[in-house]
């Protein structure tokens, strides 16, 4: 079965999918396992960076919705100054997607300045009422190390005994799930093409900017989990498909948003069709809107090298 990409995606767009998107080693065993514990200086929420090289302590003032973030060492004892002027956290309160931008804070008493400080702050009205939520620290650089997509819970943090250990076999591919790719609003307008001709039509056009933390993924090897919608097959093997965030389009006819799918081309002979079950696609991601015949086809493309699944 062959389906032209332009026709397939154009059909999705007409349905309205593009209106909006949105080191410390453990102590040796001596009988019972003993876990080292450190107390954050402000008694806030500790977020572990890497293998406990550093921490970020989050301190919330519920009355004002203000949240301070402090960068600390692995022992939660010393403040660590960083050069980054800001960093972002993707929060998921009750399933919503909220971006918290923590901005650097200068401190005259310590001599800290923007670009050389350990303290950051943000404010959001919804923080006044939300008591617990999952979140992802998107990107933070500390002394030459870059920490990305650090998952945690507020106010529990992420320092748990049962948290998964980093897998050296998959370190080549950065995890970039749809919780990140689709976390921002992608606004599309429709331009009239050939308005003075009988065959005029409306072509979608992306007008909202793509956030820097997304464009930074352009050209990088990533792993994305989703659902396969085959577009092109050769002798029973899928060579081209759309990777969807969920099954709402296939099962219920609900069109996805423009940042909720990736146009994938498989290298080699292709793969067996794996529909109705989640798969992970590994390859090099391309970020940026792309068009054919003045028609917007999407904003994510991937030259896939591997596929893992079903999961």
Protein backbone atom coordinates (compact mmCIF):
# COMPACT_ATOMS: atom_id res chain seq x y z
CA UNK A 1 0.00 0.00 0.00
CA UNK A 2 1.38 3.38 -1.00
CA UNK A 3 0.09 6.66 0.40
CA UNK A 4 1.64 9.93 -0.68
CA UNK A 5 2.93 11.86 2.31
CA UNK A 6 1.51 15.16 1.17
CA UNK A 7 -1.99 13.78 0.72
CA UNK A 8 -1.94 11.94 4.04
CA UNK A 9 -0.71 14.88 6.08
CA UNK A 10 -2.87 17.39 4.24
CA UNK A 11 -5.89 15.32 5.18
CA UNK A 12 -4.87 15.49 8.83
CA UNK A 13 -4.37 19.24 8.63
CA UNK A 14 -7.75 19.84 7.05
CA UNK A 15 -9.29 18.05 10.01
CA UNK A 16 -7.80 20.72 12.26
CA UNK A 17 -4.79 19.13 13.90
CA UNK A 18 -2.70 22.26 13.78
CA UNK A 19 -4.76 24.70 15.74
CA UNK A 20 -2.61 24.47 18.87
CA UNK A 21 -0.02 22.16 20.39
CA UNK A 22 1.14 22.82 23.26
CA UNK A 23 29.50 11.03 41.96
CA UNK A 24 28.95 9.27 44.89
CA UNK A 25 29.36 5.51 45.22
CA UNK A 26 27.09 3.50 47.47
CA UNK A 27 28.64 2.32 50.73
CA UNK A 28 29.87 -1.28 50.66
CA UNK A 29 27.41 -3.86 51.92
CA UNK A 30 27.88 -4.91 55.52
CA UNK A 31 24.74 -6.91 56.11
CA UNK A 32 21.82 -4.48 55.65
CA UNK A 33 22.03 -1.90 52.87
CA UNK A 34 22.56 1.58 54.26
CA UNK A 35 21.49 4.63 52.26
CA UNK A 36 23.30 7.93 52.72
CA UNK A 37 20.97 10.87 53.31
CA UNK A 38 21.53 14.60 53.01
CA UNK A 39 19.26 17.38 54.21
CA UNK A 40 18.64 20.34 51.88
CA UNK A 41 19.70 23.61 53.56
CA UNK A 42 16.26 25.20 53.08
CA UNK A 43 14.38 21.92 53.73
CA UNK A 44 13.03 22.04 50.18
CA UNK A 45 12.75 19.44 47.42
CA UNK A 46 16.12 18.00 46.31
CA UNK A 47 16.51 17.10 42.63
CA UNK A 48 19.52 14.90 41.90
CA UNK A 49 21.64 15.78 38.85
CA UNK A 50 23.53 12.90 37.26
CA UNK A 51 25.03 10.38 39.64
CA UNK A 52 24.63 12.79 42.57
CA UNK A 53 27.31 15.14 41.24
CA UNK A 54 25.03 18.10 42.02
CA UNK A 55 21.55 18.91 43.27
CA UNK A 56 18.90 21.54 42.64
CA UNK A 57 16.86 22.40 45.73
CA UNK A 58 13.36 23.76 45.05
CA UNK A 59 11.75 25.92 47.74
CA UNK A 60 8.12 26.92 47.21
CA UNK A 61 6.19 29.77 48.86
CA UNK A 62 2.56 28.61 48.40
CA UNK A 63 1.09 31.95 49.43
CA UNK A 64 2.74 33.83 46.54
CA UNK A 65 3.37 31.03 44.02
CA UNK A 66 7.07 31.93 44.08
CA UNK A 67 9.61 29.13 43.83
CA UNK A 68 13.35 29.47 44.44
CA UNK A 69 15.90 27.04 43.04
CA UNK A 70 19.37 26.61 44.52
CA UNK A 71 22.21 24.74 42.80
CA UNK A 72 24.18 22.70 45.33
CA UNK A 73 26.96 20.13 45.41
CA UNK A 74 26.46 16.38 45.75
CA UNK A 75 26.38 16.61 49.55
CA UNK A 76 23.76 19.40 49.61
CA UNK A 77 26.22 21.47 51.62
CA UNK A 78 27.87 24.00 49.29
CA UNK A 79 26.22 26.38 46.84
CA UNK A 80 27.46 26.06 43.26
CA UNK A 81 27.46 29.09 40.98
CA UNK A 82 26.52 28.55 37.34
CA UNK A 83 26.74 30.75 34.27
CA UNK A 84 23.34 29.93 32.81
CA UNK A 85 21.01 32.99 33.00
CA UNK A 86 17.90 30.80 33.21
CA UNK A 87 16.60 27.25 32.92
CA UNK A 88 13.20 25.70 32.32
CA UNK A 89 11.13 23.03 34.01
CA UNK A 90 8.22 21.31 32.29
CA UNK A 91 5.59 20.73 34.97
CA UNK A 92 2.60 18.40 34.59
CA UNK A 93 0.01 19.41 37.22
CA UNK A 94 -3.13 17.28 36.83
CA UNK A 95 -2.11 16.37 33.29
CA UNK A 96 -1.66 20.00 32.14
CA UNK A 97 1.61 21.22 30.67
CA UNK A 98 3.16 24.26 32.30
CA UNK A 99 6.59 25.73 31.61
CA UNK A 100 8.37 27.27 34.61
CA UNK A 101 11.24 29.57 33.64
CA UNK A 102 13.71 29.97 36.51
CA UNK A 103 15.72 33.18 36.14
CA UNK A 104 19.08 33.88 37.76
CA UNK A 105 19.04 36.03 40.92
CA UNK A 106 21.81 38.44 41.90
CA UNK A 107 22.78 38.68 45.56
CA UNK A 108 24.77 41.68 46.77
CA UNK A 109 25.61 40.08 50.11
CA UNK A 110 27.34 37.11 48.44
CA UNK A 111 28.59 38.93 45.34
CA UNK A 112 26.57 36.69 43.05
CA UNK A 113 25.44 38.14 39.74
CA UNK A 114 23.38 36.97 36.78
CA UNK A 115 25.72 34.61 34.96
CA UNK A 116 27.53 33.76 38.20
CA UNK A 117 24.97 32.67 40.77
CA UNK A 118 23.57 29.62 42.53
CA UNK A 119 20.06 31.00 42.99
CA UNK A 120 17.17 31.13 40.52
CA UNK A 121 13.50 31.98 40.91
CA UNK A 122 10.15 31.73 39.16
CA UNK A 123 6.51 32.56 39.90
CA UNK A 124 3.21 31.07 38.76
CA UNK A 125 -0.26 31.52 40.21
CA UNK A 126 -1.06 27.82 39.80
CA UNK A 127 1.77 27.03 42.24
CA UNK A 128 -0.39 28.55 44.97
CA UNK A 129 -2.80 25.62 44.85
CA UNK A 130 -0.98 22.62 43.34
CA UNK A 131 0.48 20.48 46.10
CA UNK A 132 2.09 17.73 44.00
CA UNK A 133 3.03 17.23 40.36
CA UNK A 134 5.53 15.45 38.12
CA UNK A 135 8.09 17.56 36.25
CA UNK A 136 11.14 17.51 33.99
CA UNK A 137 14.14 19.81 34.35
CA UNK A 138 14.86 20.41 30.67
CA UNK A 139 18.47 21.64 30.58
CA UNK A 140 20.98 22.90 33.13
CA UNK A 141 24.74 23.32 32.78
CA UNK A 142 26.92 23.03 35.88
CA UNK A 143 30.70 23.41 35.68
CA UNK A 144 31.07 21.96 32.22
CA UNK A 145 28.45 19.24 32.67
CA UNK A 146 25.05 19.40 30.97
CA UNK A 147 22.04 17.75 32.60
CA UNK A 148 18.97 17.25 30.41
CA UNK A 149 15.48 15.84 30.86
CA UNK A 150 15.87 15.22 34.60
CA UNK A 151 12.56 13.77 35.78
CA UNK A 152 11.33 14.32 39.34
CA UNK A 153 8.24 14.73 41.45
CA UNK A 154 7.39 17.78 43.50
CA UNK A 155 7.68 17.69 46.46
CA UNK A 156 9.18 14.15 46.60
CA UNK A 157 12.21 14.81 44.37
CA UNK A 158 13.93 11.98 42.50
CA UNK A 159 16.38 10.48 45.01
CA UNK A 160 14.83 7.03 45.44
CA UNK A 161 16.35 3.62 45.94
CA UNK A 162 14.40 2.08 43.06
CA UNK A 163 15.13 4.71 40.39
CA UNK A 164 16.53 3.16 37.19
CA UNK A 165 20.26 3.30 36.64
CA UNK A 166 21.60 4.88 33.46
CA UNK A 167 21.96 2.38 30.63
CA UNK A 168 25.32 2.59 28.89
CA UNK A 169 23.95 0.65 25.94
CA UNK A 170 21.42 3.38 25.07
CA UNK A 171 23.48 6.45 25.95
CA UNK A 172 24.08 7.13 22.24
CA UNK A 173 20.42 8.13 21.83
CA UNK A 174 18.89 10.89 23.91
CA UNK A 175 15.33 10.29 25.10
CA UNK A 176 13.01 12.88 23.53
CA UNK A 177 9.45 11.81 24.19
CA UNK A 178 6.29 13.59 23.14
CA UNK A 179 5.96 14.97 26.67
CA UNK A 180 8.83 17.22 25.57
CA UNK A 181 8.19 17.55 21.82
CA UNK A 182 4.53 18.48 22.33
CA UNK A 183 4.85 20.55 25.51
CA UNK A 184 4.44 23.94 23.78
CA UNK A 185 1.64 25.57 21.81
CA UNK A 186 2.16 25.38 18.07
CA UNK A 187 -0.09 27.90 16.29
CA UNK A 188 -0.97 27.55 12.63
CA UNK A 189 -2.80 29.88 10.26
CA UNK A 190 -4.18 29.17 6.80
CA UNK A 191 -3.10 31.21 3.78
CA UNK A 192 -5.13 31.40 0.58
CA UNK A 193 -3.12 30.07 -2.38
CA UNK A 194 -4.06 31.12 -5.94
CA UNK A 195 -6.92 33.22 -4.63
CA UNK A 196 -7.61 34.63 -8.11
CA UNK A 197 -8.03 31.18 -9.66
CA UNK A 198 -10.96 28.74 -9.54
CA UNK A 199 -8.74 26.09 -7.96
CA UNK A 200 -7.68 28.21 -4.97
CA UNK A 201 -7.06 26.43 -1.68
CA UNK A 202 -6.04 27.07 1.93
CA UNK A 203 -2.51 26.12 2.94
CA UNK A 204 -1.50 25.81 6.62
CA UNK A 205 1.45 27.88 7.87
CA UNK A 206 3.22 27.62 11.23
CA UNK A 207 3.51 31.07 12.86
CA UNK A 208 4.55 30.34 16.44
CA UNK A 209 8.29 30.03 17.20
CA UNK A 210 9.74 26.68 18.19
CA UNK A 211 11.35 26.90 21.68
CA UNK A 212 15.13 26.77 21.90
CA UNK A 213 15.09 23.61 24.03
CA UNK A 214 13.34 21.90 21.11
CA UNK A 215 15.47 23.34 18.28
CA UNK A 216 18.54 22.23 20.26
CA UNK A 217 17.52 18.66 19.36
CA UNK A 218 17.92 19.33 15.64
CA UNK A 219 20.48 16.93 14.16
CA UNK A 220 20.82 14.91 17.36
CA UNK A 221 20.32 11.17 17.76
CA UNK A 222 17.19 10.62 19.83
CA UNK A 223 14.78 7.90 20.90
CA UNK A 224 11.04 8.63 20.64
CA UNK A 225 8.21 6.37 21.76
CA UNK A 226 4.86 6.38 19.97
CA UNK A 227 2.47 4.59 17.62
CA UNK A 228 3.16 3.74 13.99
CA UNK A 229 0.90 4.87 11.15
CA UNK A 230 2.36 3.36 7.93
CA UNK A 231 2.61 5.60 4.86
CA UNK A 232 4.70 3.56 2.45
CA UNK A 233 5.49 -0.15 2.23
CA UNK A 234 7.72 -2.31 0.09
CA UNK A 235 7.15 -6.07 -0.04
CA UNK A 236 5.35 -6.05 3.29
CA UNK A 237 7.93 -3.88 5.08
CA UNK A 238 7.22 -0.30 6.18
CA UNK A 239 9.76 2.18 4.85
CA UNK A 240 7.98 5.40 5.76
CA UNK A 241 5.47 6.18 8.50
CA UNK A 242 4.14 8.74 10.93
CA UNK A 243 4.98 8.18 14.60
CA UNK A 244 2.01 9.43 16.63
CA UNK A 245 1.92 10.50 20.26
CA UNK A 246 -1.14 8.33 20.93
CA UNK A 247 -3.87 6.32 19.22
CA UNK A 248 -6.58 8.98 19.35
CA UNK A 249 -6.47 9.52 15.57
CA UNK A 250 -6.39 5.84 14.58
CA UNK A 251 -9.01 4.73 17.09
CA UNK A 252 -11.30 7.74 17.51
CA UNK A 253 -10.60 9.95 14.50
CA UNK A 254 -9.27 12.78 16.67
CA UNK A 255 -6.55 14.53 14.66
CA UNK A 256 -3.18 15.05 16.39
CA UNK A 257 -1.61 18.45 16.88
CA UNK A 258 1.25 19.37 14.58
CA UNK A 259 3.86 18.74 17.30
CA UNK A 260 2.35 15.37 18.22
CA UNK A 261 3.78 13.36 15.33
CA UNK A 262 7.10 12.68 13.62
CA UNK A 263 7.52 11.84 9.92
CA UNK A 264 9.88 8.83 9.93
CA UNK A 265 11.87 7.30 7.07
CA UNK A 266 13.53 3.98 7.88
CA UNK A 267 17.01 3.20 6.64
CA UNK A 268 17.51 -0.10 4.83
CA UNK A 269 14.74 -2.41 3.68
CA UNK A 270 12.18 -1.28 6.25
CA UNK A 271 10.48 -2.88 9.26
CA UNK A 272 7.42 -5.01 9.88
CA UNK A 273 4.19 -3.08 10.51
CA UNK A 274 3.70 -2.66 14.26
CA UNK A 275 0.38 -0.91 14.74
CA UNK A 276 -1.79 -0.55 17.85
CA UNK A 277 1.21 -1.01 20.14
CA UNK A 278 3.87 1.46 21.29
CA UNK A 279 7.32 1.28 19.73
CA UNK A 280 10.52 3.27 20.25
CA UNK A 281 12.19 4.76 17.18
CA UNK A 282 15.89 5.62 17.30
CA UNK A 283 17.53 7.91 14.79
CA UNK A 284 18.55 11.45 13.89
CA UNK A 285 15.87 14.09 14.44
CA UNK A 286 15.22 17.10 12.21
CA UNK A 287 13.40 20.04 13.82
CA UNK A 288 11.70 22.78 11.79
CA UNK A 289 8.59 23.23 9.67
CA UNK A 290 8.82 21.77 6.16
CA UNK A 291 6.56 22.23 3.14
CA UNK A 292 5.70 20.75 -0.22
CA UNK A 293 3.83 22.75 -2.87
CA UNK A 294 3.25 25.51 -0.29
CA UNK A 295 1.59 23.01 2.06
CA UNK A 296 2.89 22.53 5.58
CA UNK A 297 3.65 18.86 6.14
CA UNK A 298 4.97 18.94 9.69
CA UNK A 299 7.71 20.11 12.02
CA UNK A 300 9.52 16.90 13.02
CA UNK A 301 11.28 14.43 10.72
CA UNK A 302 13.55 11.50 11.51
CA UNK A 303 15.95 9.31 9.59
CA UNK A 304 15.44 6.20 11.70
CA UNK A 305 18.17 3.63 12.29
CA UNK A 306 16.56 1.25 14.76
CA UNK A 307 13.19 0.29 16.16
CA UNK A 308 12.48 -1.27 19.57
CA UNK A 309 9.12 -2.74 20.41
CA UNK A 310 6.45 -3.54 21.01
CA UNK A 311 6.72 -2.42 24.61
